[in-house]
Amino acid sequence: MKKCLCIAVFLIFAGTSHSFGEPFNRIGQGIRNQGMGNVGIALSHDENALQYNPAGLIGVDNFFVSLGLLGEVSDDAINLTSELQELSDSSTADTLEIALGKKLRLRFLINANILIPADGFVFGISALGEVQFGFAFENPVLPEISFYTQADQVQTYGLAFPIGRGGLVIGVAMRMVQRLSLYPPVEISLDNLITAGSDTGDLTDQYSGAGTIANGQGYDIGIHWRVEGDWSMTIGAVAQNLGSMTFAGAAYPKAVPTEYSVGFSFQPGNDYFRLLYAFDLRDLTMEGTSDRDLTKRIHTGIEFGILPIDSGTSFLAFRSGYNQGYFSYGFEINPFVFARFITIQVAAYGEETGETAGSGKEARRSFQLSFAF
């Protein structure tokens, strides 16, 4: 058991001393959206609009400054921790049998946002730092451990403004990313780790200098077409990372291709209750991916809010949806009831990491504490 703990500790420190493998196209995804199946193309009327569709900024009601702290962990990490604690006296083989096939992921995010509604437009600024870390036990014949870490520092500036009488809204955003990455991804055989014992210097030196810092810049343009009536409906479309986001100063990470997405949402409700329904179809061209599974691009969600505070939050909110074919749900509470000051949110969702829907589900749980002024 002690040997297993030494291995885990080494992985954490070795992983965080470098940074990660393959880049993630979608940075800073919101916990509200994740609980609703990760929809947002025609929905995000809060700071999350800067990450999904800048045209959604037009729905912001009031000026506010917010700070959010998010933590996320995979179900495999929770289950492995629980199972290892139940082992009182076990061999390395027993530990490996439990760990094989599990994907452990941690994600931490801190963001600060300023949203400024003005006469005829809404301006938004977001600054965030996001770190993702994960490792997996693979290959039962010749066991090995693969791991990555990824750290992004991102600044986003967005603007939304109506055209004509306001039914059509245009949104534009510029995103600047500084990314610390590890290339190639690290794969270490279990024999090497066991042989190294407590002396991990050689293994650490093997990957020293592998981390590279690269800078990228991307531009988004989106639209919202708002249809007013008994049920307020919005149709949205967005092109993210126009012309692809390339990272200067390093051969890696790869360029992030342009992603085209569409969606719609509608909202029946009154002063005391709010219902939100949304549907997204993401990454229409499937550029830069090897899979062509349409199911992986489908996102649907619903939110039921009690005592709405503004366009982006309620005193209580319950959420559910489907993200790439997997069920998701979430919850929100604002203890101050009639003001957005402290917001507590949780979400549980599954994301497809395999080539086709159903081949590589990764279940995750998120918690976020936000402050707004």
Protein backbone atom coordinates (compact mmCIF):
# COMPACT_ATOMS: atom_id res chain seq x y z
CA MET A 1 0.00 0.00 0.00
CA LYS A 2 2.85 2.40 0.84
CA LYS A 3 4.42 1.64 -2.51
CA CYS A 4 1.16 2.49 -4.27
CA LEU A 5 0.96 5.81 -2.42
CA CYS A 6 4.54 6.64 -3.38
CA ILE A 7 3.67 6.03 -7.02
CA ALA A 8 0.60 8.28 -6.82
CA VAL A 9 2.55 11.06 -5.11
CA PHE A 10 5.28 10.89 -7.72
CA LEU A 11 2.74 11.14 -10.52
CA ILE A 12 1.16 14.23 -9.03
CA PHE A 13 4.45 16.05 -8.59
CA ALA A 14 5.92 14.87 -11.85
CA GLY A 15 2.77 15.82 -13.73
CA THR A 16 2.44 19.26 -12.26
CA SER A 17 6.09 20.07 -12.78
CA HIS A 18 5.55 19.75 -16.50
CA SER A 19 2.39 20.50 -18.33
CA PHE A 20 0.23 18.67 -20.55
CA GLY A 21 -0.39 16.77 -23.74
CA GLU A 22 -3.13 17.26 -26.30
CA PRO A 23 -4.81 20.70 -26.30
CA PHE A 24 -8.48 21.05 -25.42
CA ASN A 25 -10.51 23.07 -27.93
CA ARG A 26 -13.02 24.38 -25.39
CA ILE A 27 -11.51 26.39 -22.58
CA GLY A 28 -13.29 27.52 -19.44
CA GLN A 29 -16.60 25.72 -19.91
CA GLY A 30 -19.19 26.94 -17.39
CA ILE A 31 -20.66 24.82 -14.61
CA ARG A 32 -24.16 26.14 -15.32
CA ASN A 33 -23.84 24.94 -18.89
CA GLN A 34 -22.35 21.59 -17.91
CA GLY A 35 -25.35 20.80 -15.72
CA MET A 36 -27.58 21.50 -18.73
CA GLY A 37 -25.80 19.16 -21.12
CA ASN A 38 -23.14 21.79 -21.97
CA VAL A 39 -25.50 23.92 -24.05
CA GLY A 40 -24.73 27.60 -24.53
CA ILE A 41 -24.86 28.71 -28.19
CA ALA A 42 -28.30 30.35 -27.80
CA LEU A 43 -28.49 30.46 -24.03
CA SER A 44 -25.61 32.03 -22.13
CA HIS A 45 -26.90 35.34 -20.82
CA ASP A 46 -24.07 35.71 -18.32
CA GLU A 47 -20.26 35.64 -18.23
CA ASN A 48 -20.27 32.19 -19.87
CA ALA A 49 -21.33 33.85 -23.13
CA LEU A 50 -17.69 34.83 -23.61
CA GLN A 51 -16.79 31.13 -23.87
CA TYR A 52 -19.82 29.90 -25.88
CA ASN A 53 -21.24 32.72 -28.02
CA PRO A 54 -20.43 36.42 -27.44
CA ALA A 55 -23.86 37.43 -28.80
CA GLY A 56 -25.32 36.05 -25.55
CA LEU A 57 -23.84 39.03 -23.69
CA ILE A 58 -26.79 41.12 -24.90
CA GLY A 59 -29.03 39.41 -22.33
CA VAL A 60 -27.00 40.68 -19.35
CA ASP A 61 -29.24 42.84 -17.16
CA ASN A 62 -26.90 44.64 -14.79
CA PHE A 63 -23.29 45.71 -14.39
CA PHE A 64 -21.40 43.29 -12.18
CA VAL A 65 -17.95 42.01 -11.30
CA SER A 66 -17.61 38.33 -10.42
CA LEU A 67 -14.99 35.91 -9.18
CA GLY A 68 -15.41 32.15 -9.58
CA LEU A 69 -13.52 29.18 -8.11
CA LEU A 70 -14.19 25.77 -9.68
CA GLY A 71 -12.96 22.28 -8.89
CA GLU A 72 -13.69 19.16 -10.93
CA VAL A 73 -12.86 15.49 -10.45
CA SER A 74 -13.63 12.38 -12.47
CA ASP A 75 -15.75 9.58 -11.02
CA ASP A 76 -12.84 7.18 -11.61
CA ALA A 77 -10.67 9.23 -9.26
CA ILE A 78 -13.36 9.12 -6.56
CA ASN A 79 -13.94 5.39 -7.00
CA LEU A 80 -10.22 4.52 -7.02
CA THR A 81 -9.60 6.49 -3.84
CA SER A 82 -12.48 4.69 -2.12
CA GLU A 83 -11.35 1.24 -3.25
CA LEU A 84 -7.73 1.82 -2.23
CA GLN A 85 -8.84 2.89 1.23
CA GLU A 86 -10.63 -0.44 1.64
CA LEU A 87 -7.40 -2.38 0.98
CA SER A 88 -5.77 -3.04 4.34
CA ASP A 89 -2.83 -5.16 3.16
CA SER A 90 -2.40 -5.64 -0.55
CA SER A 91 0.26 -6.38 -3.12
CA THR A 92 1.16 -4.21 -6.09
CA ALA A 93 -0.74 -6.68 -8.27
CA ASP A 94 -3.93 -6.11 -6.25
CA THR A 95 -3.54 -2.36 -6.53
CA LEU A 96 -2.89 -2.55 -10.26
CA GLU A 97 -5.94 -4.74 -10.82
CA ILE A 98 -8.14 -2.08 -9.23
CA ALA A 99 -6.49 0.79 -11.09
CA LEU A 100 -6.36 -0.71 -14.61
CA GLY A 101 -8.66 1.03 -17.06
CA LYS A 102 -9.43 3.98 -14.79
CA LYS A 103 -8.90 7.55 -15.97
CA LEU A 104 -8.15 10.01 -13.22
CA ARG A 105 -8.75 13.66 -13.96
CA LEU A 106 -8.60 16.84 -11.91
CA ARG A 107 -9.52 20.31 -13.14
CA PHE A 108 -9.17 23.63 -11.33
CA LEU A 109 -10.34 26.99 -12.63
CA ILE A 110 -10.34 30.53 -11.30
CA ASN A 111 -11.94 33.34 -13.27
CA ALA A 112 -12.71 37.01 -12.91
CA ASN A 113 -15.34 38.74 -15.06
CA ILE A 114 -16.60 42.25 -15.66
CA LEU A 115 -19.86 42.74 -17.57
CA ILE A 116 -20.92 46.26 -18.57
CA PRO A 117 -24.36 46.83 -20.11
CA ALA A 118 -24.50 50.22 -21.84
CA ASP A 119 -26.87 52.07 -24.15
CA GLY A 120 -27.11 49.81 -27.20
CA PHE A 121 -24.38 47.28 -26.39
CA VAL A 122 -22.87 45.05 -23.69
CA PHE A 123 -19.14 44.76 -23.11
CA GLY A 124 -17.50 41.87 -21.25
CA ILE A 125 -14.01 41.00 -20.01
CA SER A 126 -12.92 37.64 -18.64
CA ALA A 127 -9.58 36.53 -17.21
CA LEU A 128 -9.16 32.90 -16.19
CA GLY A 129 -6.60 30.35 -15.24
CA GLU A 130 -7.35 26.68 -15.81
CA VAL A 131 -5.26 23.64 -14.94
CA GLN A 132 -6.12 20.07 -15.92
CA PHE A 133 -4.28 17.01 -14.74
CA GLY A 134 -4.94 13.36 -15.46
CA PHE A 135 -3.38 9.94 -15.57
CA ALA A 136 -4.49 6.44 -16.46
CA PHE A 137 -3.32 2.90 -15.77
CA GLU A 138 -3.16 1.01 -19.05
CA ASN A 139 -2.01 -2.22 -20.73
CA PRO A 140 -2.63 -5.24 -18.45
CA VAL A 141 0.19 -7.24 -20.15
CA LEU A 142 2.97 -4.66 -19.71
CA PRO A 143 1.44 -2.19 -17.26
CA GLU A 144 2.21 1.47 -17.81
CA ILE A 145 0.96 4.79 -16.57
CA SER A 146 0.29 7.69 -18.92
CA PHE A 147 -0.28 11.19 -17.65
CA TYR A 148 -0.60 14.78 -18.79
CA THR A 149 -1.15 18.21 -17.36
CA GLN A 150 -2.39 21.32 -19.13
CA ALA A 151 -2.39 24.92 -17.88
CA ASP A 152 -4.05 27.82 -19.67
CA GLN A 153 -4.04 31.50 -18.88
CA VAL A 154 -6.77 33.19 -20.92
CA GLN A 155 -8.00 36.74 -21.45
CA THR A 156 -11.22 37.27 -23.40
CA TYR A 157 -12.80 40.52 -24.53
CA GLY A 158 -16.33 40.49 -25.97
CA LEU A 159 -18.92 42.89 -27.32
CA ALA A 160 -22.58 42.34 -28.27
CA PHE A 161 -24.85 44.86 -29.99
CA PRO A 162 -28.27 44.73 -31.70
CA ILE A 163 -28.89 45.39 -35.38
CA GLY A 164 -31.95 47.38 -36.43
CA ARG A 165 -34.79 47.06 -33.94
CA GLY A 166 -32.90 44.60 -31.81
CA GLY A 167 -34.20 41.25 -33.05
CA LEU A 168 -30.78 40.40 -34.50
CA VAL A 169 -27.73 40.62 -32.24
CA ILE A 170 -24.09 40.43 -33.29
CA GLY A 171 -21.37 39.38 -30.88
CA VAL A 172 -17.61 39.44 -31.34
CA ALA A 173 -14.83 38.28 -29.03
CA MET A 174 -11.05 38.10 -28.97
CA ARG A 175 -9.32 35.44 -26.90
CA MET A 176 -5.62 35.42 -25.95
CA VAL A 177 -4.24 32.16 -24.59
CA GLN A 178 -0.94 31.37 -22.93
CA ARG A 179 -0.58 27.61 -22.72
CA LEU A 180 1.97 25.51 -20.89
CA SER A 181 2.15 22.04 -22.39
CA LEU A 182 4.05 18.78 -22.13
CA TYR A 183 5.08 17.13 -25.36
CA PRO A 184 5.32 14.25 -26.01
CA PRO A 185 2.76 12.92 -23.51
CA VAL A 186 4.45 11.00 -20.70
CA GLU A 187 4.16 7.21 -20.56
CA ILE A 188 6.06 5.35 -17.83
CA SER A 189 6.08 1.61 -17.28
CA LEU A 190 5.11 0.44 -13.82
CA ASP A 191 8.38 -1.55 -13.57
CA ASN A 192 10.39 1.66 -13.94
CA LEU A 193 8.40 3.35 -11.19
CA ILE A 194 8.80 0.41 -8.81
CA THR A 195 12.51 0.14 -9.58
CA ALA A 196 12.97 3.86 -8.95
CA GLY A 197 11.46 3.50 -5.47
CA SER A 198 11.82 6.73 -3.54
CA ASP A 199 14.56 8.03 -5.86
CA THR A 200 12.60 9.68 -8.68
CA GLY A 201 15.40 11.99 -9.76
CA ASP A 202 16.27 10.07 -12.91
CA LEU A 203 12.64 9.87 -13.98
CA THR A 204 12.08 13.57 -13.31
CA ASP A 205 15.25 14.53 -15.19
CA GLN A 206 14.08 12.47 -18.16
CA TYR A 207 11.25 14.90 -18.76
CA SER A 208 12.79 18.14 -17.52
CA GLY A 209 12.63 20.85 -20.17
CA ALA A 210 9.83 19.06 -22.02
CA GLY A 211 7.28 21.72 -21.07
CA THR A 212 6.77 24.49 -23.62
CA ILE A 213 4.92 27.78 -23.27
CA ALA A 214 3.03 28.87 -26.38
CA ASN A 215 0.84 31.88 -27.11
CA GLY A 216 -2.31 31.76 -29.22
CA GLN A 217 -4.97 34.22 -30.27
CA GLY A 218 -8.48 33.46 -31.52
CA TYR A 219 -11.51 35.40 -32.68
CA ASP A 220 -15.19 34.49 -32.34
CA ILE A 221 -18.22 35.93 -34.09
CA GLY A 222 -21.77 34.92 -33.25
CA ILE A 223 -25.38 35.92 -33.72
CA HIS A 224 -28.58 35.71 -31.74
CA TRP A 225 -31.96 36.15 -33.39
CA ARG A 226 -34.49 36.84 -30.68
CA VAL A 227 -38.19 36.19 -31.28
CA GLU A 228 -40.37 37.78 -28.61
CA GLY A 229 -43.78 36.36 -27.70
CA ASP A 230 -45.45 34.32 -25.01
CA TRP A 231 -42.34 32.18 -25.12
CA SER A 232 -39.15 34.14 -25.68
CA MET A 233 -37.12 32.16 -28.25
CA THR A 234 -33.53 32.66 -29.37
CA ILE A 235 -31.74 31.11 -32.35
CA GLY A 236 -27.97 31.28 -32.21
CA ALA A 237 -24.93 30.52 -34.34
CA VAL A 238 -21.23 31.03 -33.70
CA ALA A 239 -17.86 30.57 -35.37
CA GLN A 240 -15.12 30.13 -32.78
CA ASN A 241 -11.41 30.55 -33.45
CA LEU A 242 -11.92 32.01 -36.92
CA GLY A 243 -9.10 31.01 -39.23
CA SER A 244 -7.94 28.56 -36.50
CA MET A 245 -6.02 29.49 -33.37
CA THR A 246 -2.32 28.98 -33.96
CA PHE A 247 0.24 28.98 -31.16
CA ALA A 248 3.31 31.06 -31.89
CA GLY A 249 6.73 30.22 -30.52
CA ALA A 250 6.39 26.43 -30.44
CA ALA A 251 5.81 23.53 -32.79
CA TYR A 252 3.34 22.20 -30.24
CA PRO A 253 0.49 22.43 -29.34
CA LYS A 254 -1.31 22.02 -32.62
CA ALA A 255 -3.50 24.76 -34.08
CA VAL A 256 -7.07 24.72 -32.79
CA PRO A 257 -9.37 24.65 -35.85
CA THR A 258 -12.40 26.88 -36.39
CA GLU A 259 -15.55 25.40 -34.84
CA TYR A 260 -19.01 26.23 -36.20
CA SER A 261 -22.05 25.61 -34.00
CA VAL A 262 -25.78 26.38 -33.94
CA GLY A 263 -28.44 26.23 -31.27
CA PHE A 264 -31.79 27.47 -30.06
CA SER A 265 -33.44 28.10 -26.71
CA PHE A 266 -36.85 29.18 -25.48
CA GLN A 267 -38.05 30.45 -22.14
CA PRO A 268 -41.58 30.38 -20.75
CA GLY A 269 -41.95 31.78 -17.27
CA ASN A 270 -43.01 34.67 -15.04
CA ASP A 271 -41.61 36.83 -12.27
CA TYR A 272 -41.37 33.91 -9.84
CA PHE A 273 -40.36 30.94 -11.99
CA ARG A 274 -38.20 30.49 -15.07
CA LEU A 275 -37.93 27.58 -17.48
CA LEU A 276 -35.10 27.39 -19.99
CA TYR A 277 -34.92 24.82 -22.77
CA ALA A 278 -31.92 24.65 -25.08
CA PHE A 279 -30.47 22.54 -27.89
CA ASP A 280 -27.00 22.82 -29.47
CA LEU A 281 -25.34 21.15 -32.44
CA ARG A 282 -21.61 21.75 -32.04
CA ASP A 283 -18.65 21.46 -34.40
CA LEU A 284 -20.65 21.15 -37.62
CA THR A 285 -17.70 20.70 -40.00
CA MET A 286 -15.88 18.24 -37.71
CA GLU A 287 -12.64 19.81 -38.91
CA GLY A 288 -9.47 18.53 -37.29
CA THR A 289 -11.10 15.40 -35.84
CA SER A 290 -10.89 11.79 -36.93
CA ASP A 291 -14.40 10.85 -35.80
CA ARG A 292 -17.56 11.72 -37.74
CA ASP A 293 -20.12 10.73 -35.12
CA LEU A 294 -22.97 13.27 -35.09
CA THR A 295 -24.18 12.08 -31.68
CA LYS A 296 -21.03 13.50 -30.08
CA ARG A 297 -22.10 16.97 -31.28
CA ILE A 298 -25.60 17.00 -29.76
CA HIS A 299 -26.29 18.85 -26.49
CA THR A 300 -29.70 19.44 -24.87
CA GLY A 301 -30.64 20.95 -21.53
CA ILE A 302 -33.32 22.38 -19.28
CA GLU A 303 -33.24 24.67 -16.24
CA PHE A 304 -35.99 25.35 -13.71
CA GLY A 305 -35.32 28.50 -11.70
CA ILE A 306 -37.18 29.73 -8.61
CA LEU A 307 -37.17 33.49 -7.94
CA PRO A 308 -34.94 34.63 -10.82
CA ILE A 309 -32.44 37.29 -9.74
CA ASP A 310 -31.29 38.29 -13.22
CA SER A 311 -30.87 36.72 -16.65
CA GLY A 312 -28.08 34.44 -15.47
CA THR A 313 -29.05 33.23 -12.00
CA SER A 314 -31.90 32.42 -9.60
CA PHE A 315 -32.35 31.93 -5.88
CA LEU A 316 -32.70 28.19 -6.61
CA ALA A 317 -32.13 26.44 -9.92
CA PHE A 318 -32.31 22.80 -10.96
CA ARG A 319 -30.75 21.64 -14.24
CA SER A 320 -30.54 18.53 -16.35
CA GLY A 321 -29.62 17.59 -19.90
CA TYR A 322 -27.76 15.31 -22.29
CA ASN A 323 -24.15 15.93 -23.24
CA GLN A 324 -23.02 13.77 -26.18
CA GLY A 325 -25.61 11.16 -25.24
CA TYR A 326 -24.84 11.14 -21.51
CA PHE A 327 -27.13 12.42 -18.76
CA SER A 328 -26.09 15.51 -16.81
CA TYR A 329 -27.60 17.43 -13.92
CA GLY A 330 -26.83 20.43 -11.75
CA PHE A 331 -28.00 22.61 -8.90
CA GLU A 332 -27.60 26.26 -7.87
CA ILE A 333 -28.39 28.28 -4.79
CA ASN A 334 -27.96 31.98 -4.00
CA PRO A 335 -28.29 32.32 -0.21
CA PHE A 336 -28.97 36.07 -0.42
CA VAL A 337 -32.20 35.27 -2.32
CA PHE A 338 -32.73 38.60 -4.09
CA ALA A 339 -29.14 39.54 -4.95
CA ARG A 340 -26.29 37.90 -6.79
CA PHE A 341 -23.53 37.92 -4.17
CA ILE A 342 -22.56 34.34 -3.29
CA THR A 343 -23.54 31.57 -5.69
CA ILE A 344 -22.97 27.86 -5.02
CA GLN A 345 -23.25 25.50 -7.98
CA VAL A 346 -22.66 21.80 -8.57
CA ALA A 347 -22.83 19.71 -11.73
CA ALA A 348 -22.36 16.09 -12.77
CA TYR A 349 -21.95 15.17 -16.41
CA GLY A 350 -20.40 12.68 -18.80
CA GLU A 351 -18.17 13.53 -21.73
CA GLU A 352 -17.25 11.33 -24.67
CA THR A 353 -13.49 10.81 -25.06
CA GLY A 354 -13.65 7.95 -27.57
CA GLU A 355 -14.07 7.90 -31.34
CA THR A 356 -17.83 7.29 -31.23
CA ALA A 357 -20.63 7.95 -28.75
CA GLY A 358 -20.71 5.25 -26.07
CA SER A 359 -17.11 4.11 -26.56
CA GLY A 360 -15.30 6.26 -24.00
CA LYS A 361 -17.52 7.90 -21.39
CA GLU A 362 -15.72 9.94 -18.76
CA ALA A 363 -17.97 10.91 -15.86
CA ARG A 364 -17.07 14.09 -13.95
CA ARG A 365 -18.33 16.11 -10.98
CA SER A 366 -17.85 19.87 -10.57
CA PHE A 367 -18.27 22.37 -7.75
CA GLN A 368 -18.07 26.15 -8.08
CA LEU A 369 -18.23 29.00 -5.59
CA SER A 370 -18.77 32.46 -7.12
CA PHE A 371 -18.81 35.96 -5.72
CA ALA A 372 -20.42 38.90 -7.53
CA PHE A 373 -20.57 42.61 -6.76
